[in-house]
Amino acid sequence: MPEPQQPQSPQPSQRSQLSQRPPQSPGDELSAPTSALSPVVPPVLAKVVRSGFVEGRHRGSLVVLGADGAVELALGEVTAPVFPRSSNKPMQAAGVLRAGLDLTGERLALAAASHSGEPFHRDLVRTMLDEYGLDPALLQCPPDLPLDPEERETYLASGAAPDRVTMNCSGKHTAMLAVCARRGWPLETYLDPDHPLQRTIHRVVEDAAGEPVAAVGTDGCGAPLMAVSLVGLARAFRSFVGAEPGSAERRVADAMRAHPEYVAGSRRADTWLMREVPGTLSKMGAEAVQAVALPDGRALAFKIEDGATRALGPVLARALTLLGIEGPVVERIGRAPLHGGGREVGEIRAAF
């Protein structure tokens, strides 16, 4: 099997280049996206290699910020708005704090989580609901199975059914309900974009990203979803890591980094990265979005155009190597084998 292409250091000309647009080949115009997500065909970030043959490609856009916040590398359309999906959760958790809920530790980490649905996640969600006198029926996230495949099998084998508490966003929804109950705000409309809580979150997203929210949609869990650019998303994560101690943003970042297993789960890349690279803030989102900030102010954000989460690990690992982060955890995150006939016959590998 051919060796993966080695990463190259960003060239000086890339520092201020906000869009690298690869030349279009014949037929590209037939498949070029027409949404605001990417008005041009983005570059290939990952290849699917089976038995030495490239059988597929995943295109996307990626931005890397230096310690000073300047753009060090930009691939694709990094200034066009995207829905960060669950990569927005740190900002949503900070909005809950700004609105007046005093969460700390594991509870605050869970408020920013896309948890795996493991028993300790479900137990803490139920505990928090009890602490604030909230009925689980008030949760407006949809009933679901555990996000983690291994946990899902165990859960189904026990005879359990899809449940709102089990849904990966239930910690966020519990925190939102709790602050509404504390403030006397309506509980039945807590997901309305015009609700006082959601207006607060909207301001937090804009403050952190340093740009206006380009669009408001509905996330998979039913919560309002604010669109920003990949540059804005990376800037937001950088701002959380560098925020003043005691601020809502820094409290969220510190809780996530101290309790990464509550942000994700026992078998998830965000957990591994925050646990094994001290000071790192990391959060993935659906449709293959990822944002990371290092304690020195460097940050990255990317989105795989087709939403294929199988490309997340290889692309994240390659981006981390460009930031000088190496070692077993990066190798573990980047490993994405393909199988055939019960044996490994290929891999998904970064292509930039």
Protein backbone atom coordinates (compact mmCIF):
# COMPACT_ATOMS: atom_id res chain seq x y z
CA MET A 1 0.00 0.00 0.00
CA PRO A 2 1.45 3.43 -0.91
CA GLU A 3 2.76 5.47 1.97
CA PRO A 4 0.63 8.48 2.99
CA GLN A 5 1.80 11.83 1.65
CA GLN A 6 3.89 13.63 4.24
CA PRO A 7 2.54 16.99 5.46
CA GLN A 8 4.31 20.10 4.27
CA SER A 9 4.89 23.16 6.35
CA PRO A 10 2.67 26.11 5.42
CA GLN A 11 4.41 28.60 3.15
CA PRO A 12 4.54 32.30 4.06
CA SER A 13 2.21 33.13 1.19
CA GLN A 14 -0.49 31.09 2.89
CA ARG A 15 -0.67 33.23 6.01
CA SER A 16 -3.15 35.72 4.67
CA GLN A 17 -4.69 33.62 1.92
CA LEU A 18 -8.29 33.00 2.92
CA SER A 19 -9.20 30.70 0.06
CA GLN A 20 -7.17 28.25 -1.99
CA ARG A 21 -9.31 27.22 -4.92
CA PRO A 22 -8.13 24.17 -6.85
CA PRO A 23 -8.51 24.21 -10.62
CA GLN A 24 -11.77 22.68 -11.77
CA SER A 25 -11.66 19.62 -13.97
CA PRO A 26 -14.24 18.92 -16.67
CA GLY A 27 -17.55 18.04 -15.10
CA ASP A 28 -16.82 19.75 -11.78
CA GLU A 29 -19.33 22.43 -12.62
CA LEU A 30 -22.06 19.79 -12.60
CA SER A 31 -21.48 18.95 -8.96
CA ALA A 32 -20.34 22.30 -7.61
CA PRO A 33 -22.34 23.25 -4.48
CA THR A 34 -24.75 26.14 -4.87
CA SER A 35 -25.28 26.89 -1.17
CA ALA A 36 -23.44 29.53 0.84
CA LEU A 37 -21.42 26.68 2.37
CA SER A 38 -18.93 26.60 -0.49
CA PRO A 39 -19.53 28.41 -3.78
CA VAL A 40 -16.51 26.67 -5.34
CA VAL A 41 -15.43 23.05 -5.36
CA PRO A 42 -13.30 22.64 -2.21
CA PRO A 43 -10.03 20.70 -2.22
CA VAL A 44 -9.69 17.02 -1.40
CA LEU A 45 -8.80 16.67 2.29
CA ALA A 46 -8.96 12.88 2.54
CA LYS A 47 -8.73 9.90 0.19
CA VAL A 48 -10.31 6.47 0.56
CA VAL A 49 -7.63 3.96 -0.42
CA ARG A 50 -8.60 0.29 -0.78
CA SER A 51 -5.97 -2.27 -1.78
CA GLY A 52 -3.75 0.55 -3.04
CA PHE A 53 -6.54 1.98 -5.21
CA VAL A 54 -8.12 5.37 -4.54
CA GLU A 55 -11.85 4.58 -4.58
CA GLY A 56 -13.16 7.82 -3.11
CA ARG A 57 -12.36 11.32 -1.96
CA HIS A 58 -13.69 13.66 0.72
CA ARG A 59 -13.48 17.37 -0.04
CA GLY A 60 -13.61 20.09 2.56
CA SER A 61 -12.32 23.37 3.90
CA LEU A 62 -9.82 23.92 6.72
CA VAL A 63 -8.26 26.89 8.46
CA VAL A 64 -5.31 27.06 10.87
CA LEU A 65 -4.71 30.15 13.02
CA GLY A 66 -1.34 31.03 14.50
CA ALA A 67 -0.74 32.01 18.11
CA ASP A 68 -1.38 35.64 17.16
CA GLY A 69 -4.75 34.76 15.60
CA ALA A 70 -3.55 35.30 12.02
CA VAL A 71 -4.47 32.79 9.34
CA GLU A 72 -1.51 30.43 8.86
CA LEU A 73 -3.17 28.06 6.41
CA ALA A 74 -6.45 28.15 4.52
CA LEU A 75 -7.76 25.40 2.29
CA GLY A 76 -11.08 25.89 0.56
CA GLU A 77 -13.75 28.41 1.55
CA VAL A 78 -12.91 29.33 5.14
CA THR A 79 -14.76 32.65 5.21
CA ALA A 80 -18.10 31.28 3.97
CA PRO A 81 -20.69 30.52 6.69
CA VAL A 82 -21.21 26.93 7.85
CA PHE A 83 -23.36 25.37 10.53
CA PRO A 84 -20.81 24.29 13.17
CA ARG A 85 -23.40 21.89 14.60
CA SER A 86 -22.18 20.62 18.00
CA SER A 87 -18.93 22.54 17.73
CA ASN A 88 -21.15 25.45 18.85
CA LYS A 89 -21.81 23.77 22.20
CA PRO A 90 -19.05 25.54 24.15
CA MET A 91 -20.69 28.85 23.17
CA GLN A 92 -24.12 27.54 24.13
CA ALA A 93 -22.79 26.46 27.53
CA ALA A 94 -21.20 29.87 28.03
CA GLY A 95 -24.56 31.43 27.19
CA VAL A 96 -26.18 29.38 29.94
CA LEU A 97 -23.59 30.72 32.40
CA ARG A 98 -24.07 34.30 31.23
CA ALA A 99 -27.81 33.84 31.69
CA GLY A 100 -27.26 33.04 35.37
CA LEU A 101 -26.81 29.29 35.92
CA ASP A 102 -23.85 28.46 38.18
CA LEU A 103 -22.56 25.16 36.77
CA THR A 104 -19.12 23.75 37.51
CA GLY A 105 -17.06 20.62 36.95
CA GLU A 106 -18.64 17.61 35.29
CA ARG A 107 -22.01 19.35 35.09
CA LEU A 108 -20.60 22.22 33.04
CA ALA A 109 -18.67 19.82 30.81
CA LEU A 110 -21.88 17.87 30.22
CA ALA A 111 -23.67 21.10 29.28
CA ALA A 112 -21.16 21.44 26.41
CA ALA A 113 -21.27 17.76 25.47
CA SER A 114 -22.19 15.48 22.63
CA HIS A 115 -22.00 12.62 25.08
CA SER A 116 -21.77 8.96 24.13
CA GLY A 117 -24.75 7.86 26.20
CA GLU A 118 -22.67 5.82 28.62
CA PRO A 119 -24.17 5.10 32.05
CA PHE A 120 -22.24 7.90 33.77
CA HIS A 121 -23.59 10.39 31.22
CA ARG A 122 -27.18 9.28 31.64
CA ASP A 123 -26.86 9.20 35.42
CA LEU A 124 -25.57 12.77 35.62
CA VAL A 125 -28.30 14.09 33.31
CA ARG A 126 -30.94 12.53 35.58
CA THR A 127 -29.17 13.91 38.66
CA MET A 128 -29.15 17.42 37.20
CA LEU A 129 -32.83 17.18 36.29
CA ASP A 130 -33.59 16.18 39.89
CA GLU A 131 -31.42 18.95 41.32
CA TYR A 132 -33.42 21.59 39.46
CA GLY A 133 -36.80 19.93 39.98
CA LEU A 134 -37.25 19.23 36.27
CA ASP A 135 -39.30 16.44 34.76
CA PRO A 136 -37.40 14.55 31.98
CA ALA A 137 -40.53 15.02 29.86
CA LEU A 138 -39.62 18.72 29.60
CA LEU A 139 -36.58 17.86 27.49
CA GLN A 140 -37.28 18.73 23.86
CA CYS A 141 -34.36 16.84 22.34
CA PRO A 142 -35.64 13.77 20.48
CA PRO A 143 -35.52 10.27 22.01
CA ASP A 144 -32.41 8.47 20.82
CA LEU A 145 -30.00 5.60 21.39
CA PRO A 146 -26.44 6.02 22.72
CA LEU A 147 -24.10 7.70 20.25
CA ASP A 148 -21.26 5.27 20.99
CA PRO A 149 -21.65 2.05 18.93
CA GLU A 150 -20.44 -0.27 21.70
CA GLU A 151 -22.67 1.39 24.28
CA ARG A 152 -25.59 1.24 21.83
CA GLU A 153 -25.28 -2.55 21.54
CA THR A 154 -25.18 -2.95 25.32
CA TYR A 155 -28.11 -0.58 25.72
CA LEU A 156 -30.28 -2.44 23.21
CA ALA A 157 -29.29 -5.83 24.63
CA SER A 158 -30.65 -4.66 27.99
CA GLY A 159 -34.05 -4.10 26.40
CA ALA A 160 -33.90 -0.30 26.73
CA ALA A 161 -35.66 1.93 24.21
CA PRO A 162 -34.69 5.31 22.70
CA ASP A 163 -34.93 7.99 25.36
CA ARG A 164 -34.47 11.77 25.59
CA VAL A 165 -31.97 11.42 28.43
CA THR A 166 -29.88 9.08 26.28
CA MET A 167 -29.74 11.53 23.36
CA ASN A 168 -26.23 12.99 23.05
CA CYS A 169 -27.44 16.59 23.54
CA SER A 170 -29.43 15.92 26.73
CA GLY A 171 -26.83 17.59 28.96
CA LYS A 172 -27.11 20.81 26.98
CA HIS A 173 -30.90 20.71 27.04
CA THR A 174 -30.91 20.04 30.78
CA ALA A 175 -28.70 23.08 31.39
CA MET A 176 -30.93 25.22 29.19
CA LEU A 177 -34.05 24.15 31.07
CA ALA A 178 -32.32 24.67 34.41
CA VAL A 179 -31.37 28.29 33.71
CA CYS A 180 -34.86 29.00 32.39
CA ALA A 181 -36.37 27.59 35.58
CA ARG A 182 -33.94 29.67 37.64
CA ARG A 183 -34.76 32.88 35.76
CA GLY A 184 -38.51 32.27 35.53
CA TRP A 185 -38.34 32.12 31.74
CA PRO A 186 -40.82 29.97 29.79
CA LEU A 187 -39.83 26.31 29.73
CA GLU A 188 -42.06 25.20 26.89
CA THR A 189 -40.42 27.60 24.40
CA TYR A 190 -36.79 27.36 25.52
CA LEU A 191 -35.72 26.37 21.97
CA ASP A 192 -37.41 29.31 20.27
CA PRO A 193 -34.74 31.56 18.65
CA ASP A 194 -36.50 34.56 20.20
CA HIS A 195 -36.43 33.11 23.72
CA PRO A 196 -34.30 35.21 26.12
CA LEU A 197 -31.85 32.33 26.57
CA GLN A 198 -31.36 31.80 22.85
CA ARG A 199 -30.87 35.53 22.29
CA THR A 200 -28.13 35.42 24.93
CA ILE A 201 -26.48 32.45 23.23
CA HIS A 202 -26.69 34.29 19.91
CA ARG A 203 -24.70 37.18 21.39
CA VAL A 204 -22.11 34.79 22.85
CA VAL A 205 -21.57 33.15 19.45
CA GLU A 206 -21.08 36.53 17.77
CA ASP A 207 -18.77 37.79 20.51
CA ALA A 208 -16.60 34.67 20.38
CA ALA A 209 -16.49 34.35 16.60
CA GLY A 210 -15.89 38.05 16.07
CA GLU A 211 -18.45 38.18 13.29
CA PRO A 212 -22.23 38.35 12.87
CA VAL A 213 -24.22 35.14 12.79
CA ALA A 214 -24.94 34.57 9.10
CA ALA A 215 -27.99 32.34 9.49
CA VAL A 216 -30.04 30.61 12.18
CA GLY A 217 -31.26 27.08 11.59
CA THR A 218 -32.43 24.13 13.65
CA ASP A 219 -29.92 21.57 14.88
CA GLY A 220 -30.60 17.84 15.01
CA CYS A 221 -31.54 18.14 18.68
CA GLY A 222 -34.02 20.93 17.92
CA ALA A 223 -31.97 23.80 19.35
CA PRO A 224 -31.26 26.98 17.35
CA LEU A 225 -28.09 26.67 15.31
CA MET A 226 -25.99 29.72 14.45
CA ALA A 227 -23.87 29.80 11.29
CA VAL A 228 -20.41 31.36 11.28
CA SER A 229 -17.34 30.93 9.11
CA LEU A 230 -14.59 28.41 9.81
CA VAL A 231 -12.31 31.36 10.61
CA GLY A 232 -14.92 32.56 13.10
CA LEU A 233 -15.25 29.10 14.62
CA ALA A 234 -11.49 28.75 15.10
CA ARG A 235 -11.40 32.27 16.51
CA ALA A 236 -14.17 31.37 18.98
CA PHE A 237 -12.27 28.36 20.34
CA ARG A 238 -9.12 30.44 20.57
CA SER A 239 -11.02 33.09 22.54
CA PHE A 240 -12.30 30.52 25.05
CA VAL A 241 -8.81 29.20 25.77
CA GLY A 242 -7.42 32.71 26.15
CA ALA A 243 -10.33 34.18 28.09
CA GLU A 244 -9.87 35.71 31.53
CA PRO A 245 -10.04 33.20 34.40
CA GLY A 246 -13.50 33.23 35.94
CA SER A 247 -15.22 34.43 32.77
CA ALA A 248 -18.03 32.30 31.36
CA GLU A 249 -15.90 31.37 28.35
CA ARG A 250 -12.88 30.33 30.39
CA ARG A 251 -15.02 28.39 32.87
CA VAL A 252 -16.48 26.35 30.01
CA ALA A 253 -13.06 25.71 28.50
CA ASP A 254 -11.60 24.70 31.85
CA ALA A 255 -14.48 22.34 32.66
CA MET A 256 -14.28 20.66 29.25
CA ARG A 257 -10.54 20.18 29.53
CA ALA A 258 -10.75 18.88 33.10
CA HIS A 259 -13.57 16.44 32.34
CA PRO A 260 -13.25 15.46 28.67
CA GLU A 261 -15.01 12.12 29.15
CA TYR A 262 -18.19 14.05 29.95
CA VAL A 263 -17.80 16.16 26.79
CA ALA A 264 -17.56 13.07 24.60
CA GLY A 265 -17.03 9.57 25.98
CA SER A 266 -14.58 6.80 26.78
CA ARG A 267 -13.86 5.98 23.12
CA ARG A 268 -13.93 9.37 21.42
CA ALA A 269 -11.26 11.54 19.79
CA ASP A 270 -12.22 14.73 21.68
CA THR A 271 -11.68 12.91 24.97
CA TRP A 272 -8.34 11.44 23.92
CA LEU A 273 -7.02 14.77 22.64
CA MET A 274 -8.05 16.87 25.65
CA ARG A 275 -6.81 14.23 28.07
CA GLU A 276 -3.44 13.55 26.43
CA VAL A 277 -2.50 17.02 25.14
CA PRO A 278 -2.91 19.23 28.23
CA GLY A 279 -4.65 22.54 27.72
CA THR A 280 -6.25 21.58 24.41
CA LEU A 281 -9.92 22.39 23.77
CA SER A 282 -11.58 20.15 21.21
CA LYS A 283 -15.15 19.65 20.02
CA MET A 284 -16.54 17.89 16.99
CA GLY A 285 -19.89 18.50 15.36
CA ALA A 286 -22.25 16.57 13.13
CA GLU A 287 -21.76 16.78 9.37
CA ALA A 288 -18.02 16.37 9.97
CA VAL A 289 -17.11 19.64 11.66
CA GLN A 290 -14.19 19.93 14.06
CA ALA A 291 -12.65 22.79 16.04
CA VAL A 292 -9.56 22.73 18.25
CA ALA A 293 -7.63 25.36 20.20
CA LEU A 294 -4.25 24.93 21.85
CA PRO A 295 -3.28 26.74 25.07
CA ASP A 296 -0.79 28.97 23.21
CA GLY A 297 -3.58 30.46 21.07
CA ARG A 298 -3.18 28.39 17.92
CA ALA A 299 -6.42 26.98 16.61
CA LEU A 300 -8.00 25.12 13.70
CA ALA A 301 -11.43 24.42 12.29
CA PHE A 302 -12.57 22.36 9.34
CA LYS A 303 -15.61 20.86 7.70
CA ILE A 304 -15.81 17.87 5.39
CA GLU A 305 -18.12 18.97 2.58
CA ASP A 306 -20.15 15.74 2.31
CA GLY A 307 -20.53 15.37 6.08
CA ALA A 308 -18.64 12.07 6.20
CA THR A 309 -17.49 11.67 9.79
CA ARG A 310 -15.19 8.81 8.77
CA ALA A 311 -12.82 11.45 7.40
CA LEU A 312 -12.71 13.44 10.65
CA GLY A 313 -9.91 11.49 12.32
CA PRO A 314 -7.41 11.45 9.45
CA VAL A 315 -7.98 15.13 8.65
CA LEU A 316 -7.75 16.15 12.32
CA ALA A 317 -4.56 14.14 12.82
CA ARG A 318 -2.90 15.73 9.79
CA ALA A 319 -3.95 19.23 10.90
CA LEU A 320 -2.54 18.56 14.36
CA THR A 321 0.81 17.55 12.86
CA LEU A 322 0.88 20.88 11.04
CA LEU A 323 0.55 22.47 14.48
CA GLY A 324 3.46 20.39 15.76
CA ILE A 325 1.33 17.99 17.80
CA GLU A 326 2.55 14.43 17.38
CA GLY A 327 2.68 11.16 19.28
CA PRO A 328 0.48 8.16 20.01
CA VAL A 329 -2.72 10.15 20.51
CA VAL A 330 -2.45 11.74 17.07
CA GLU A 331 -1.73 8.35 15.50
CA ARG A 332 -4.73 6.91 17.30
CA ILE A 333 -7.02 9.71 16.14
CA GLY A 334 -5.79 9.45 12.57
CA ARG A 335 -6.23 5.70 12.17
CA ALA A 336 -9.21 4.90 9.93
CA PRO A 337 -8.77 1.40 8.47
CA LEU A 338 -10.89 -0.19 5.75
CA HIS A 339 -11.72 -3.88 5.91
CA GLY A 340 -12.47 -6.56 3.40
CA GLY A 341 -13.15 -10.21 4.12
CA GLY A 342 -12.51 -9.67 7.80
CA ARG A 343 -9.04 -8.17 7.37
CA GLU A 344 -7.58 -4.72 6.94
CA VAL A 345 -7.18 -3.86 3.26
CA GLY A 346 -6.90 -0.09 3.20
CA GLU A 347 -7.43 3.17 4.99
CA ILE A 348 -8.81 6.67 4.84
CA ARG A 349 -5.85 9.03 4.77
CA ALA A 350 -5.34 12.77 4.76
CA ALA A 351 -4.55 14.23 1.34
CA PHE A 352 -3.13 17.69 2.17
